[in-house]
Amino acid sequence: MWKELVGLESIRKLLTYPYDVKDISDFRVERLRSLGVRGVYNYGSVAVNGFKVLGKGHASIVLLVSHESLGDVVVKVRRLDSKRKSLTNEGYIMSLVKYDVVPKVYYYDDDFIMMEYLDGTLLGDYIRLHSTEEVIKVFLKVFEASHKLDLSSVDHLELSKPHKHVMVLRDGNVKFLDFESARISETPCNLCRVYSAYIHLIKRKDLTHVRGLLKTYKLGRKDLFKDIVELILKV
């Protein structure tokens, strides 16, 4: 798909959204240039100040940019009115994940996270467009990915709503998005939250036995993963 590429100078106000602060926009433009950003694509499903972006949240604006050596990548920009003082913790936690279930992180600091661009469909849209059988197959990938997050000691905390935070890629694999609330944990259970969402979205019966195994799983028995998934699929 053709995407319009514009220079960083053209999006100065976007880089200091929702305010217009020249010294900060000067700093951010020069910082992005020094990181190898050639320009920004007017591309995405959300419009901010008349410019299309990949996403807009309470803490950040998400842009698709062109990088001189990495090609098309994503840059998350901290909003000036954000309650968060830095994006460093989010970038750091993403970089801790040991498996290929999150976007690759290329760089992070207080103001920016530069990461892999994911070409795919949000799980919520995927569910609307596909049969129940196909959705269950994708959820098997989500279960496995959530297990890998657990093995990485990363607790996403938002996966009770996976339709907003899971990207289904063109090759059928899945990756998690939006680690703003994530934390390092000795007893993460992303699988617990994904299971709760699954029985709600797919309208399956909640099994007491599965809940019991998930409690044990959360306390450290991550080896129970296959048994848990087998039980879920029997419903």
C-alpha atoms as a PDB file:
ATOM      1  CA  MET A   1       0.000   0.000   0.000  1.00  0.00           C
ATOM      2  CA  TRP A   2       1.331   3.432  -0.956  1.00  0.00           C
ATOM      3  CA  LYS A   3       2.045   5.700   1.999  1.00  0.00           C
ATOM      4  CA  GLU A   4       2.829   9.425   1.912  1.00  0.00           C
ATOM      5  CA  LEU A   5       6.200  10.193   3.538  1.00  0.00           C
ATOM      6  CA  VAL A   6       6.719  13.644   5.031  1.00  0.00           C
ATOM      7  CA  GLY A   7       9.691  15.287   6.730  1.00  0.00           C
ATOM      8  CA  LEU A   8      10.033  15.556  10.484  1.00  0.00           C
ATOM      9  CA  GLU A   9       9.654  19.335  10.244  1.00  0.00           C
ATOM     10  CA  SER A  10       6.075  18.804   9.052  1.00  0.00           C
ATOM     11  CA  ILE A  11       4.992  17.067  12.245  1.00  0.00           C
ATOM     12  CA  ARG A  12       6.576  19.277  14.896  1.00  0.00           C
ATOM     13  CA  LYS A  13       3.266  19.868  16.693  1.00  0.00           C
ATOM     14  CA  LEU A  14       2.570  16.142  16.659  1.00  0.00           C
ATOM     15  CA  LEU A  15       5.858  15.498  18.457  1.00  0.00           C
ATOM     16  CA  THR A  16       4.767  17.743  21.342  1.00  0.00           C
ATOM     17  CA  TYR A  17       1.066  16.851  21.292  1.00  0.00           C
ATOM     18  CA  PRO A  18      -1.219  18.253  22.625  1.00  0.00           C
ATOM     19  CA  TYR A  19       0.885  21.410  23.050  1.00  0.00           C
ATOM     20  CA  ASP A  20       3.130  23.417  20.754  1.00  0.00           C
ATOM     21  CA  VAL A  21       6.478  23.860  22.493  1.00  0.00           C
ATOM     22  CA  LYS A  22       9.241  24.893  20.122  1.00  0.00           C
ATOM     23  CA  ASP A  23      12.308  24.013  22.181  1.00  0.00           C
ATOM     24  CA  ILE A  24      10.965  20.530  22.894  1.00  0.00           C
ATOM     25  CA  SER A  25       9.939  19.971  19.270  1.00  0.00           C
ATOM     26  CA  ASP A  26      13.434  21.116  18.175  1.00  0.00           C
ATOM     27  CA  PHE A  27      15.001  18.615  20.555  1.00  0.00           C
ATOM     28  CA  ARG A  28      12.731  15.759  19.491  1.00  0.00           C
ATOM     29  CA  VAL A  29      13.190  16.398  15.764  1.00  0.00           C
ATOM     30  CA  GLU A  30      16.962  16.387  16.129  1.00  0.00           C
ATOM     31  CA  ARG A  31      16.869  13.309  18.357  1.00  0.00           C
ATOM     32  CA  LEU A  32      14.846  11.337  15.807  1.00  0.00           C
ATOM     33  CA  ARG A  33      17.200  12.431  13.029  1.00  0.00           C
ATOM     34  CA  SER A  34      20.194  11.303  15.063  1.00  0.00           C
ATOM     35  CA  LEU A  35      18.494   7.922  15.504  1.00  0.00           C
ATOM     36  CA  GLY A  36      18.216   7.514  11.730  1.00  0.00           C
ATOM     37  CA  VAL A  37      14.593   8.531  11.107  1.00  0.00           C
ATOM     38  CA  ARG A  38      14.261   9.916   7.549  1.00  0.00           C
ATOM     39  CA  GLY A  39      10.587  10.871   7.693  1.00  0.00           C
ATOM     40  CA  VAL A  40       7.126   9.978   8.935  1.00  0.00           C
ATOM     41  CA  TYR A  41       4.309   8.312   7.012  1.00  0.00           C
ATOM     42  CA  ASN A  42       0.899   9.942   6.894  1.00  0.00           C
ATOM     43  CA  TYR A  43      -0.597   6.544   7.576  1.00  0.00           C
ATOM     44  CA  GLY A  44      -2.906   4.907  10.091  1.00  0.00           C
ATOM     45  CA  SER A  45      -6.484   4.585  11.241  1.00  0.00           C
ATOM     46  CA  VAL A  46      -6.403   7.540  13.650  1.00  0.00           C
ATOM     47  CA  ALA A  47      -6.143  11.243  12.777  1.00  0.00           C
ATOM     48  CA  VAL A  48      -4.315  13.672  15.055  1.00  0.00           C
ATOM     49  CA  ASN A  49      -4.091  17.313  14.008  1.00  0.00           C
ATOM     50  CA  GLY A  50      -5.177  16.189  10.546  1.00  0.00           C
ATOM     51  CA  PHE A  51      -2.323  13.685  10.276  1.00  0.00           C
ATOM     52  CA  LYS A  52      -2.855   9.921  10.153  1.00  0.00           C
ATOM     53  CA  VAL A  53      -1.139   7.873  12.855  1.00  0.00           C
ATOM     54  CA  LEU A  54      -1.128   4.226  13.915  1.00  0.00           C
ATOM     55  CA  GLY A  55      -2.474   4.977  17.364  1.00  0.00           C
ATOM     56  CA  LYS A  56      -3.238   7.568  20.004  1.00  0.00           C
ATOM     57  CA  GLY A  57      -3.447   6.842  23.712  1.00  0.00           C
ATOM     58  CA  HIS A  58      -3.496   8.754  26.962  1.00  0.00           C
ATOM     59  CA  ALA A  59       0.284   8.559  27.210  1.00  0.00           C
ATOM     60  CA  SER A  60       1.564   8.472  23.639  1.00  0.00           C
ATOM     61  CA  ILE A  61       1.176   8.876  19.903  1.00  0.00           C
ATOM     62  CA  VAL A  62       2.275   5.970  17.674  1.00  0.00           C
ATOM     63  CA  LEU A  63       3.849   6.785  14.307  1.00  0.00           C
ATOM     64  CA  LEU A  64       5.000   4.768  11.320  1.00  0.00           C
ATOM     65  CA  VAL A  65       8.371   6.117  10.213  1.00  0.00           C
ATOM     66  CA  SER A  66      11.039   5.428   7.620  1.00  0.00           C
ATOM     67  CA  HIS A  67      14.459   4.556   9.057  1.00  0.00           C
ATOM     68  CA  GLU A  68      17.670   4.851   7.068  1.00  0.00           C
ATOM     69  CA  SER A  69      18.784   1.271   7.797  1.00  0.00           C
ATOM     70  CA  LEU A  70      15.834  -0.543   9.422  1.00  0.00           C
ATOM     71  CA  GLY A  71      13.206   0.397   6.830  1.00  0.00           C
ATOM     72  CA  ASP A  72       9.675   1.005   8.100  1.00  0.00           C
ATOM     73  CA  VAL A  73       9.519   0.980  11.901  1.00  0.00           C
ATOM     74  CA  VAL A  74       7.214   2.249  14.624  1.00  0.00           C
ATOM     75  CA  VAL A  75       8.031   5.118  16.963  1.00  0.00           C
ATOM     76  CA  LYS A  76       5.979   5.635  20.101  1.00  0.00           C
ATOM     77  CA  VAL A  77       6.174   9.277  21.200  1.00  0.00           C
ATOM     78  CA  ARG A  78       5.409  10.318  24.779  1.00  0.00           C
ATOM     79  CA  ARG A  79       2.676  12.949  24.953  1.00  0.00           C
ATOM     80  CA  LEU A  80       3.564  16.130  26.820  1.00  0.00           C
ATOM     81  CA  ASP A  81       0.432  15.830  28.958  1.00  0.00           C
ATOM     82  CA  SER A  82       1.141  12.209  29.860  1.00  0.00           C
ATOM     83  CA  LYS A  83       1.146  11.252  33.539  1.00  0.00           C
ATOM     84  CA  ARG A  84       4.081   9.024  32.693  1.00  0.00           C
ATOM     85  CA  LYS A  85       7.407  10.806  32.981  1.00  0.00           C
ATOM     86  CA  SER A  86       9.229   8.316  30.804  1.00  0.00           C
ATOM     87  CA  LEU A  87       8.797   5.470  28.299  1.00  0.00           C
ATOM     88  CA  THR A  88      11.979   3.820  29.530  1.00  0.00           C
ATOM     89  CA  ASN A  89      10.291   1.225  31.735  1.00  0.00           C
ATOM     90  CA  GLU A  90       7.988   0.097  28.922  1.00  0.00           C
ATOM     91  CA  GLY A  91      10.868  -0.266  26.481  1.00  0.00           C
ATOM     92  CA  TYR A  92      12.984  -2.071  29.065  1.00  0.00           C
ATOM     93  CA  ILE A  93      10.252  -4.585  29.948  1.00  0.00           C
ATOM     94  CA  MET A  94       9.599  -5.333  26.269  1.00  0.00           C
ATOM     95  CA  SER A  95      13.308  -5.961  25.772  1.00  0.00           C
ATOM     96  CA  LEU A  96      13.278  -8.525  28.610  1.00  0.00           C
ATOM     97  CA  VAL A  97      10.901 -10.882  26.789  1.00  0.00           C
ATOM     98  CA  LYS A  98      12.914 -13.922  25.725  1.00  0.00           C
ATOM     99  CA  TYR A  99      10.627 -15.018  22.901  1.00  0.00           C
ATOM    100  CA  ASP A 100       9.343 -13.607  19.634  1.00  0.00           C
ATOM    101  CA  VAL A 101       5.943 -12.587  20.998  1.00  0.00           C
ATOM    102  CA  VAL A 102       6.461  -8.814  21.216  1.00  0.00           C
ATOM    103  CA  PRO A 103       7.679  -6.290  18.651  1.00  0.00           C
ATOM    104  CA  LYS A 104      11.470  -6.106  18.454  1.00  0.00           C
ATOM    105  CA  VAL A 105      12.694  -3.053  20.344  1.00  0.00           C
ATOM    106  CA  TYR A 106      15.475  -1.135  18.603  1.00  0.00           C
ATOM    107  CA  TYR A 107      15.781   1.832  20.962  1.00  0.00           C
ATOM    108  CA  TYR A 108      14.071   3.468  23.930  1.00  0.00           C
ATOM    109  CA  ASP A 109      14.474   6.516  26.148  1.00  0.00           C
ATOM    110  CA  ASP A 110      12.234   8.891  28.112  1.00  0.00           C
ATOM    111  CA  ASP A 111      10.452  10.222  25.015  1.00  0.00           C
ATOM    112  CA  PHE A 112      10.587   7.470  22.380  1.00  0.00           C
ATOM    113  CA  ILE A 113      10.371   3.741  21.808  1.00  0.00           C
ATOM    114  CA  MET A 114      11.497   2.594  18.369  1.00  0.00           C
ATOM    115  CA  MET A 115      10.242  -0.869  17.516  1.00  0.00           C
ATOM    116  CA  GLU A 116       9.299  -3.330  14.815  1.00  0.00           C
ATOM    117  CA  TYR A 117       6.291  -2.538  12.621  1.00  0.00           C
ATOM    118  CA  LEU A 118       3.747  -5.362  12.731  1.00  0.00           C
ATOM    119  CA  ASP A 119       1.746  -5.958   9.583  1.00  0.00           C
ATOM    120  CA  GLY A 120      -1.420  -7.661  10.695  1.00  0.00           C
ATOM    121  CA  THR A 121      -4.885  -7.399  12.218  1.00  0.00           C
ATOM    122  CA  LEU A 122      -5.919  -6.672  15.783  1.00  0.00           C
ATOM    123  CA  LEU A 123      -7.462  -9.726  17.432  1.00  0.00           C
ATOM    124  CA  GLY A 124     -10.776  -7.906  17.889  1.00  0.00           C
ATOM    125  CA  ASP A 125     -11.061  -7.305  14.148  1.00  0.00           C
ATOM    126  CA  TYR A 126      -9.896 -10.848  13.414  1.00  0.00           C
ATOM    127  CA  ILE A 127     -12.674 -12.280  15.587  1.00  0.00           C
ATOM    128  CA  ARG A 128     -15.302 -10.277  13.692  1.00  0.00           C
ATOM    129  CA  LEU A 129     -14.018 -11.404  10.306  1.00  0.00           C
ATOM    130  CA  HIS A 130     -13.419 -15.117  10.882  1.00  0.00           C
ATOM    131  CA  SER A 131     -15.268 -18.250  11.899  1.00  0.00           C
ATOM    132  CA  THR A 132     -15.273 -19.584  15.449  1.00  0.00           C
ATOM    133  CA  GLU A 133     -13.061 -22.483  14.344  1.00  0.00           C
ATOM    134  CA  GLU A 134     -10.460 -20.099  12.924  1.00  0.00           C
ATOM    135  CA  VAL A 135     -10.614 -17.894  16.011  1.00  0.00           C
ATOM    136  CA  ILE A 136     -10.007 -20.884  18.303  1.00  0.00           C
ATOM    137  CA  LYS A 137      -6.902 -21.771  16.257  1.00  0.00           C
ATOM    138  CA  VAL A 138      -5.589 -18.240  16.737  1.00  0.00           C
ATOM    139  CA  PHE A 139      -6.350 -18.380  20.454  1.00  0.00           C
ATOM    140  CA  LEU A 140      -4.110 -21.446  20.678  1.00  0.00           C
ATOM    141  CA  LYS A 141      -1.315 -19.169  19.447  1.00  0.00           C
ATOM    142  CA  VAL A 142      -2.337 -16.525  21.985  1.00  0.00           C
ATOM    143  CA  PHE A 143      -2.275 -19.106  24.802  1.00  0.00           C
ATOM    144  CA  GLU A 144       1.214 -20.175  23.765  1.00  0.00           C
ATOM    145  CA  ALA A 145       2.420 -16.579  23.463  1.00  0.00           C
ATOM    146  CA  SER A 146       1.006 -15.679  26.880  1.00  0.00           C
ATOM    147  CA  HIS A 147       2.806 -18.699  28.332  1.00  0.00           C
ATOM    148  CA  LYS A 148       6.064 -17.393  26.844  1.00  0.00           C
ATOM    149  CA  LEU A 149       5.441 -14.008  28.466  1.00  0.00           C
ATOM    150  CA  ASP A 150       4.971 -15.834  31.769  1.00  0.00           C
ATOM    151  CA  LEU A 151       8.253 -17.689  31.263  1.00  0.00           C
ATOM    152  CA  SER A 152       9.896 -14.290  30.734  1.00  0.00           C
ATOM    153  CA  SER A 153       8.577 -13.063  34.134  1.00  0.00           C
ATOM    154  CA  VAL A 154       6.670 -10.254  32.430  1.00  0.00           C
ATOM    155  CA  ASP A 155       3.086  -9.532  33.512  1.00  0.00           C
ATOM    156  CA  HIS A 156       1.259  -7.532  30.844  1.00  0.00           C
ATOM    157  CA  LEU A 157      -1.748  -6.748  33.103  1.00  0.00           C
ATOM    158  CA  GLU A 158      -4.027  -5.797  30.183  1.00  0.00           C
ATOM    159  CA  LEU A 159      -4.620  -9.196  28.595  1.00  0.00           C
ATOM    160  CA  SER A 160      -8.115  -9.587  29.998  1.00  0.00           C
ATOM    161  CA  LYS A 161      -8.840  -7.540  26.862  1.00  0.00           C
ATOM    162  CA  PRO A 162      -6.646  -9.303  24.304  1.00  0.00           C
ATOM    163  CA  HIS A 163      -8.795  -8.057  21.413  1.00  0.00           C
ATOM    164  CA  LYS A 164      -7.090  -4.667  21.929  1.00  0.00           C
ATOM    165  CA  HIS A 165      -3.568  -5.862  22.679  1.00  0.00           C
ATOM    166  CA  VAL A 166      -2.915  -8.828  20.369  1.00  0.00           C
ATOM    167  CA  MET A 167      -1.886  -8.486  16.729  1.00  0.00           C
ATOM    168  CA  VAL A 168      -2.536 -11.428  14.414  1.00  0.00           C
ATOM    169  CA  LEU A 169       0.224 -11.336  11.825  1.00  0.00           C
ATOM    170  CA  ARG A 170      -0.097 -12.283   8.172  1.00  0.00           C
ATOM    171  CA  ASP A 171       1.793 -15.525   8.800  1.00  0.00           C
ATOM    172  CA  GLY A 172      -0.727 -16.530  11.478  1.00  0.00           C
ATOM    173  CA  ASN A 173       1.523 -15.880  14.458  1.00  0.00           C
ATOM    174  CA  VAL A 174       0.624 -13.398  17.179  1.00  0.00           C
ATOM    175  CA  LYS A 175       2.420 -10.658  19.116  1.00  0.00           C
ATOM    176  CA  PHE A 176       1.406  -8.540  22.084  1.00  0.00           C
ATOM    177  CA  LEU A 177       1.165  -4.753  22.036  1.00  0.00           C
ATOM    178  CA  ASP A 178       0.971  -1.943  24.608  1.00  0.00           C
ATOM    179  CA  PHE A 179       3.218  -2.664  27.557  1.00  0.00           C
ATOM    180  CA  GLU A 180       2.493   0.627  29.322  1.00  0.00           C
ATOM    181  CA  SER A 181       1.099  -1.107  32.422  1.00  0.00           C
ATOM    182  CA  ALA A 182       3.383  -4.146  32.306  1.00  0.00           C
ATOM    183  CA  ARG A 183       5.635  -5.123  35.185  1.00  0.00           C
ATOM    184  CA  ILE A 184       8.253  -7.683  36.116  1.00  0.00           C
ATOM    185  CA  SER A 185       6.737 -10.380  38.320  1.00  0.00           C
ATOM    186  CA  GLU A 186       7.816 -13.612  40.009  1.00  0.00           C
ATOM    187  CA  THR A 187       4.266 -14.981  39.598  1.00  0.00           C
ATOM    188  CA  PRO A 188       2.904 -13.663  36.284  1.00  0.00           C
ATOM    189  CA  CYS A 189      -0.201 -15.249  34.814  1.00  0.00           C
ATOM    190  CA  ASN A 190      -0.906 -13.741  31.431  1.00  0.00           C
ATOM    191  CA  LEU A 191      -2.390 -17.130  30.579  1.00  0.00           C
ATOM    192  CA  CYS A 192      -5.005 -16.653  33.334  1.00  0.00           C
ATOM    193  CA  ARG A 193      -6.217 -13.385  31.832  1.00  0.00           C
ATOM    194  CA  VAL A 194      -6.240 -14.721  28.284  1.00  0.00           C
ATOM    195  CA  TYR A 195      -8.252 -17.756  29.410  1.00  0.00           C
ATOM    196  CA  SER A 196     -10.862 -15.479  31.050  1.00  0.00           C
ATOM    197  CA  ALA A 197     -11.150 -13.494  27.824  1.00  0.00           C
ATOM    198  CA  TYR A 198     -11.363 -16.666  25.742  1.00  0.00           C
ATOM    199  CA  ILE A 199     -14.369 -18.121  27.570  1.00  0.00           C
ATOM    200  CA  HIS A 200     -16.117 -14.752  27.278  1.00  0.00           C
ATOM    201  CA  LEU A 201     -15.318 -14.040  23.621  1.00  0.00           C
ATOM    202  CA  ILE A 202     -15.822 -17.612  22.375  1.00  0.00           C
ATOM    203  CA  LYS A 203     -18.726 -18.207  24.786  1.00  0.00           C
ATOM    204  CA  ARG A 204     -17.294 -21.341  26.362  1.00  0.00           C
ATOM    205  CA  LYS A 205     -18.087 -22.840  29.769  1.00  0.00           C
ATOM    206  CA  ASP A 206     -15.731 -21.848  32.578  1.00  0.00           C
ATOM    207  CA  LEU A 207     -14.223 -24.995  34.100  1.00  0.00           C
ATOM    208  CA  THR A 208     -13.440 -25.143  37.826  1.00  0.00           C
ATOM    209  CA  HIS A 209     -10.694 -27.687  37.123  1.00  0.00           C
ATOM    210  CA  VAL A 210      -8.997 -25.312  34.676  1.00  0.00           C
ATOM    211  CA  ARG A 211      -9.154 -22.494  37.229  1.00  0.00           C
ATOM    212  CA  GLY A 212      -7.568 -24.775  39.805  1.00  0.00           C
ATOM    213  CA  LEU A 213      -4.707 -25.694  37.492  1.00  0.00           C
ATOM    214  CA  LEU A 214      -4.195 -22.022  36.587  1.00  0.00           C
ATOM    215  CA  LYS A 215      -3.772 -21.146  40.259  1.00  0.00           C
ATOM    216  CA  THR A 216      -1.065 -23.798  40.564  1.00  0.00           C
ATOM    217  CA  TYR A 217       0.463 -22.634  37.269  1.00  0.00           C
ATOM    218  CA  LYS A 218       0.645 -19.055  38.566  1.00  0.00           C
ATOM    219  CA  LEU A 219       2.504 -20.203  41.687  1.00  0.00           C
ATOM    220  CA  GLY A 220       5.296 -21.610  39.551  1.00  0.00           C
ATOM    221  CA  ARG A 221       4.106 -24.808  37.857  1.00  0.00           C
ATOM    222  CA  LYS A 222       4.539 -23.476  34.315  1.00  0.00           C
ATOM    223  CA  ASP A 223       5.003 -27.083  33.176  1.00  0.00           C
ATOM    224  CA  LEU A 224       1.212 -27.470  33.483  1.00  0.00           C
ATOM    225  CA  PHE A 225       0.679 -25.350  30.361  1.00  0.00           C
ATOM    226  CA  LYS A 226      -0.022 -28.232  27.950  1.00  0.00           C
ATOM    227  CA  ASP A 227      -2.420 -29.901  30.385  1.00  0.00           C
ATOM    228  CA  ILE A 228      -4.318 -26.637  30.812  1.00  0.00           C
ATOM    229  CA  VAL A 229      -4.674 -26.071  27.060  1.00  0.00           C
ATOM    230  CA  GLU A 230      -5.816 -29.666  26.517  1.00  0.00           C
ATOM    231  CA  LEU A 231      -8.559 -29.188  29.114  1.00  0.00           C
ATOM    232  CA  ILE A 232      -9.650 -25.884  27.587  1.00  0.00           C
ATOM    233  CA  LEU A 233     -10.030 -27.489  24.157  1.00  0.00           C
ATOM    234  CA  LYS A 234     -12.224 -30.296  25.506  1.00  0.00           C
ATOM    235  CA  VAL A 235     -15.017 -27.828  26.325  1.00  0.00           C
END
